[in-house]
């Protein structure tokens, strides 16, 4: 069960854990009772099927991350533009979760910890037919070389 202090803007009653998640350490693993800084809002839907900024500027991503507070979808730190982390720095929203099919982990930028979190509003991942990296048609053929250079 999720610690009610981890949730802002919704009732914790009836909210269950989002599963074990990859590398999850449990919702209460930070040891800090005042985990208000996480600011998870389970009722907010994602901003769309892909990285907001990459979609606007014609970019591409490796994997997608969802802001657990406002639903912003940004690209991961393995992506060229690292928009999820940029969103954290601009917005102050410290918790993201994976927006990849089959992944349900949460990550807190302020603590560096992964943890289990509540079930979020659907959809919980990008469309299954959207490849990773993506989006289809915009990923350069030499994408691996671009990331390692």
C-alpha atoms as a PDB file:
ATOM      1  CA  UNK A   1       0.000   0.000   0.000  1.00  0.00           C
ATOM      2  CA  UNK A   2       1.198   3.513  -0.772  1.00  0.00           C
ATOM      3  CA  UNK A   3       2.040   5.876   2.075  1.00  0.00           C
ATOM      4  CA  UNK A   4      -0.631   8.643   2.000  1.00  0.00           C
ATOM      5  CA  UNK A   5       2.131  11.226   2.459  1.00  0.00           C
ATOM      6  CA  UNK A   6       3.430  10.239  -1.013  1.00  0.00           C
ATOM      7  CA  UNK A   7       0.263  11.410  -2.715  1.00  0.00           C
ATOM      8  CA  UNK A   8      -0.861  14.979  -3.233  1.00  0.00           C
ATOM      9  CA  UNK A   9      -4.177  16.107  -4.630  1.00  0.00           C
ATOM     10  CA  UNK A  10      -6.027  12.832  -4.217  1.00  0.00           C
ATOM     11  CA  UNK A  11      -7.268  10.516  -1.541  1.00  0.00           C
ATOM     12  CA  UNK A  12      -4.946   7.632  -0.787  1.00  0.00           C
ATOM     13  CA  UNK A  13      -7.909   5.463   0.113  1.00  0.00           C
ATOM     14  CA  UNK A  14      -8.250   2.634  -2.362  1.00  0.00           C
ATOM     15  CA  UNK A  15      -4.938   3.297  -4.121  1.00  0.00           C
ATOM     16  CA  UNK A  16      -2.756   0.240  -4.328  1.00  0.00           C
ATOM     17  CA  UNK A  17       0.904  -0.187  -5.136  1.00  0.00           C
ATOM     18  CA  UNK A  18       1.884  -0.051  -8.772  1.00  0.00           C
ATOM     19  CA  UNK A  19       3.731  -3.371  -8.514  1.00  0.00           C
ATOM     20  CA  UNK A  20       7.284  -4.325  -7.876  1.00  0.00           C
ATOM     21  CA  UNK A  21       8.852  -2.288 -10.640  1.00  0.00           C
ATOM     22  CA  UNK A  22      12.357  -2.722 -11.943  1.00  0.00           C
ATOM     23  CA  UNK A  23      14.697  -2.052  -9.069  1.00  0.00           C
ATOM     24  CA  UNK A  24      11.831  -0.859  -6.892  1.00  0.00           C
ATOM     25  CA  UNK A  25      12.610  -0.390  -3.252  1.00  0.00           C
ATOM     26  CA  UNK A  26       9.121   0.132  -1.908  1.00  0.00           C
ATOM     27  CA  UNK A  27       7.058   3.284  -1.487  1.00  0.00           C
ATOM     28  CA  UNK A  28       8.293   3.958   2.006  1.00  0.00           C
ATOM     29  CA  UNK A  29      11.934   3.180   1.353  1.00  0.00           C
ATOM     30  CA  UNK A  30      13.207   6.726   1.744  1.00  0.00           C
ATOM     31  CA  UNK A  31      12.693   6.527   5.487  1.00  0.00           C
ATOM     32  CA  UNK A  32      11.547  10.141   5.504  1.00  0.00           C
ATOM     33  CA  UNK A  33       8.017  10.542   6.787  1.00  0.00           C
ATOM     34  CA  UNK A  34       7.709  13.905   5.068  1.00  0.00           C
ATOM     35  CA  UNK A  35       7.876  12.576   1.519  1.00  0.00           C
ATOM     36  CA  UNK A  36       5.632  15.405   0.318  1.00  0.00           C
ATOM     37  CA  UNK A  37       8.395  16.393  -2.124  1.00  0.00           C
ATOM     38  CA  UNK A  38       7.420  13.396  -4.265  1.00  0.00           C
ATOM     39  CA  UNK A  39       4.092  15.011  -5.233  1.00  0.00           C
ATOM     40  CA  UNK A  40       2.470  12.133  -7.085  1.00  0.00           C
ATOM     41  CA  UNK A  41      -0.925  12.862  -8.612  1.00  0.00           C
ATOM     42  CA  UNK A  42      -2.355   9.514  -9.789  1.00  0.00           C
ATOM     43  CA  UNK A  43      -5.394  11.051 -11.500  1.00  0.00           C
ATOM     44  CA  UNK A  44      -3.529  13.164 -14.062  1.00  0.00           C
ATOM     45  CA  UNK A  45      -3.366  11.557 -17.521  1.00  0.00           C
ATOM     46  CA  UNK A  46      -0.160  11.583 -19.584  1.00  0.00           C
ATOM     47  CA  UNK A  47       0.432  14.517 -21.917  1.00  0.00           C
ATOM     48  CA  UNK A  48       0.466  12.286 -24.999  1.00  0.00           C
ATOM     49  CA  UNK A  49       1.997   9.235 -26.660  1.00  0.00           C
ATOM     50  CA  UNK A  50       5.547  10.609 -26.879  1.00  0.00           C
ATOM     51  CA  UNK A  51       8.009  13.212 -25.661  1.00  0.00           C
ATOM     52  CA  UNK A  52       6.300  16.594 -25.803  1.00  0.00           C
ATOM     53  CA  UNK A  53       9.423  18.540 -26.754  1.00  0.00           C
ATOM     54  CA  UNK A  54      10.755  15.980 -29.249  1.00  0.00           C
ATOM     55  CA  UNK A  55       7.352  15.918 -30.962  1.00  0.00           C
ATOM     56  CA  UNK A  56       7.458  19.716 -31.235  1.00  0.00           C
ATOM     57  CA  UNK A  57      11.009  19.963 -32.570  1.00  0.00           C
ATOM     58  CA  UNK A  58      11.181  16.811 -34.722  1.00  0.00           C
ATOM     59  CA  UNK A  59      13.482  14.977 -32.309  1.00  0.00           C
ATOM     60  CA  UNK A  60      13.611  11.343 -31.270  1.00  0.00           C
ATOM     61  CA  UNK A  61      14.016   9.407 -28.034  1.00  0.00           C
ATOM     62  CA  UNK A  62      15.338   6.149 -26.657  1.00  0.00           C
ATOM     63  CA  UNK A  63      12.779   5.649 -23.867  1.00  0.00           C
ATOM     64  CA  UNK A  64       9.986   7.715 -22.361  1.00  0.00           C
ATOM     65  CA  UNK A  65       9.362   8.932 -18.810  1.00  0.00           C
ATOM     66  CA  UNK A  66       6.168  10.329 -17.285  1.00  0.00           C
ATOM     67  CA  UNK A  67       6.055  13.058 -14.655  1.00  0.00           C
ATOM     68  CA  UNK A  68       4.092  11.587 -11.749  1.00  0.00           C
ATOM     69  CA  UNK A  69       2.782  15.029 -10.794  1.00  0.00           C
ATOM     70  CA  UNK A  70       1.563  16.631 -14.038  1.00  0.00           C
ATOM     71  CA  UNK A  71       1.703  13.826 -16.634  1.00  0.00           C
ATOM     72  CA  UNK A  72       4.382  15.470 -18.825  1.00  0.00           C
ATOM     73  CA  UNK A  73       5.968  12.883 -21.116  1.00  0.00           C
ATOM     74  CA  UNK A  74       9.666  13.450 -21.705  1.00  0.00           C
ATOM     75  CA  UNK A  75      12.551  11.452 -23.089  1.00  0.00           C
ATOM     76  CA  UNK A  76      15.004   9.623 -20.820  1.00  0.00           C
ATOM     77  CA  UNK A  77      18.606  10.535 -20.036  1.00  0.00           C
ATOM     78  CA  UNK A  78      19.842   8.048 -22.658  1.00  0.00           C
ATOM     79  CA  UNK A  79      18.038  10.140 -25.277  1.00  0.00           C
ATOM     80  CA  UNK A  80      19.827  13.005 -27.018  1.00  0.00           C
ATOM     81  CA  UNK A  81      17.733  15.757 -25.421  1.00  0.00           C
ATOM     82  CA  UNK A  82      16.988  14.403 -21.904  1.00  0.00           C
ATOM     83  CA  UNK A  83      13.652  16.236 -21.719  1.00  0.00           C
ATOM     84  CA  UNK A  84      12.326  14.348 -18.651  1.00  0.00           C
ATOM     85  CA  UNK A  85      15.224  15.592 -16.522  1.00  0.00           C
ATOM     86  CA  UNK A  86      14.895  19.079 -18.026  1.00  0.00           C
ATOM     87  CA  UNK A  87      11.218  19.050 -17.002  1.00  0.00           C
ATOM     88  CA  UNK A  88      12.238  18.236 -13.418  1.00  0.00           C
ATOM     89  CA  UNK A  89      14.671  21.173 -13.349  1.00  0.00           C
ATOM     90  CA  UNK A  90      12.116  23.618 -14.766  1.00  0.00           C
ATOM     91  CA  UNK A  91       9.009  22.404 -12.926  1.00  0.00           C
ATOM     92  CA  UNK A  92      10.453  21.102  -9.670  1.00  0.00           C
ATOM     93  CA  UNK A  93       8.389  17.911 -10.079  1.00  0.00           C
ATOM     94  CA  UNK A  94      10.856  15.325  -8.753  1.00  0.00           C
ATOM     95  CA  UNK A  95       9.129  11.996  -9.473  1.00  0.00           C
ATOM     96  CA  UNK A  96       8.943  10.223 -12.806  1.00  0.00           C
ATOM     97  CA  UNK A  97       7.814   6.783 -13.804  1.00  0.00           C
ATOM     98  CA  UNK A  98       8.561   4.707 -16.834  1.00  0.00           C
ATOM     99  CA  UNK A  99       6.253   5.204 -19.805  1.00  0.00           C
ATOM    100  CA  UNK A 100       7.437   1.987 -21.435  1.00  0.00           C
ATOM    101  CA  UNK A 101       5.152  -1.052 -21.855  1.00  0.00           C
ATOM    102  CA  UNK A 102       5.579  -3.580 -19.040  1.00  0.00           C
ATOM    103  CA  UNK A 103       7.509  -1.220 -16.732  1.00  0.00           C
ATOM    104  CA  UNK A 104       5.954   0.238 -13.585  1.00  0.00           C
ATOM    105  CA  UNK A 105       8.845   1.721 -11.600  1.00  0.00           C
ATOM    106  CA  UNK A 106       9.025   5.236 -10.163  1.00  0.00           C
ATOM    107  CA  UNK A 107      12.176   7.325  -9.643  1.00  0.00           C
ATOM    108  CA  UNK A 108      12.770  10.329  -7.400  1.00  0.00           C
ATOM    109  CA  UNK A 109      15.351  12.778  -8.773  1.00  0.00           C
ATOM    110  CA  UNK A 110      15.903  14.294  -5.313  1.00  0.00           C
ATOM    111  CA  UNK A 111      16.815  11.013  -3.612  1.00  0.00           C
ATOM    112  CA  UNK A 112      18.087   8.970  -6.551  1.00  0.00           C
ATOM    113  CA  UNK A 113      15.848   6.093  -5.478  1.00  0.00           C
ATOM    114  CA  UNK A 114      13.450   3.893  -7.388  1.00  0.00           C
ATOM    115  CA  UNK A 115      10.303   2.792  -5.624  1.00  0.00           C
ATOM    116  CA  UNK A 116       6.849   1.317  -6.077  1.00  0.00           C
ATOM    117  CA  UNK A 117       4.094   3.857  -6.568  1.00  0.00           C
ATOM    118  CA  UNK A 118       0.371   4.104  -7.092  1.00  0.00           C
ATOM    119  CA  UNK A 119      -1.446   3.111 -10.238  1.00  0.00           C
ATOM    120  CA  UNK A 120      -1.595   6.142 -12.527  1.00  0.00           C
ATOM    121  CA  UNK A 121      -4.332   7.280 -14.894  1.00  0.00           C
ATOM    122  CA  UNK A 122      -4.258   5.440 -18.220  1.00  0.00           C
ATOM    123  CA  UNK A 123      -2.594   4.989 -20.517  1.00  0.00           C
ATOM    124  CA  UNK A 124       0.395   3.779 -18.521  1.00  0.00           C
ATOM    125  CA  UNK A 125       2.737   3.487 -21.510  1.00  0.00           C
ATOM    126  CA  UNK A 126       3.225   4.727 -25.027  1.00  0.00           C
ATOM    127  CA  UNK A 127       1.285   2.831 -27.713  1.00  0.00           C
ATOM    128  CA  UNK A 128       2.520  -0.749 -28.103  1.00  0.00           C
ATOM    129  CA  UNK A 129       3.092  -0.240 -31.837  1.00  0.00           C
ATOM    130  CA  UNK A 130       5.437   2.701 -31.207  1.00  0.00           C
ATOM    131  CA  UNK A 131       9.029   1.449 -31.234  1.00  0.00           C
ATOM    132  CA  UNK A 132      11.772   2.236 -28.761  1.00  0.00           C
ATOM    133  CA  UNK A 133      13.707   4.159 -29.758  1.00  0.00           C
ATOM    134  CA  UNK A 134      11.030   6.221 -31.410  1.00  0.00           C
ATOM    135  CA  UNK A 135       9.009   7.638 -32.850  1.00  0.00           C
ATOM    136  CA  UNK A 136       8.766   5.520 -35.967  1.00  0.00           C
ATOM    137  CA  UNK A 137      10.264   7.302 -38.948  1.00  0.00           C
ATOM    138  CA  UNK A 138      12.405   9.813 -37.012  1.00  0.00           C
ATOM    139  CA  UNK A 139      15.082   7.625 -35.444  1.00  0.00           C
ATOM    140  CA  UNK A 140      18.340   7.945 -37.420  1.00  0.00           C
ATOM    141  CA  UNK A 141      19.871   4.728 -38.729  1.00  0.00           C
ATOM    142  CA  UNK A 142      23.075   5.492 -36.807  1.00  0.00           C
ATOM    143  CA  UNK A 143      21.282   6.276 -33.529  1.00  0.00           C
ATOM    144  CA  UNK A 144      23.590   4.044 -31.462  1.00  0.00           C
ATOM    145  CA  UNK A 145      26.654   5.858 -32.791  1.00  0.00           C
ATOM    146  CA  UNK A 146      25.036   9.228 -32.070  1.00  0.00           C
ATOM    147  CA  UNK A 147      24.468   8.248 -28.452  1.00  0.00           C
ATOM    148  CA  UNK A 148      27.959   6.896 -27.868  1.00  0.00           C
ATOM    149  CA  UNK A 149      29.748   9.855 -29.432  1.00  0.00           C
END
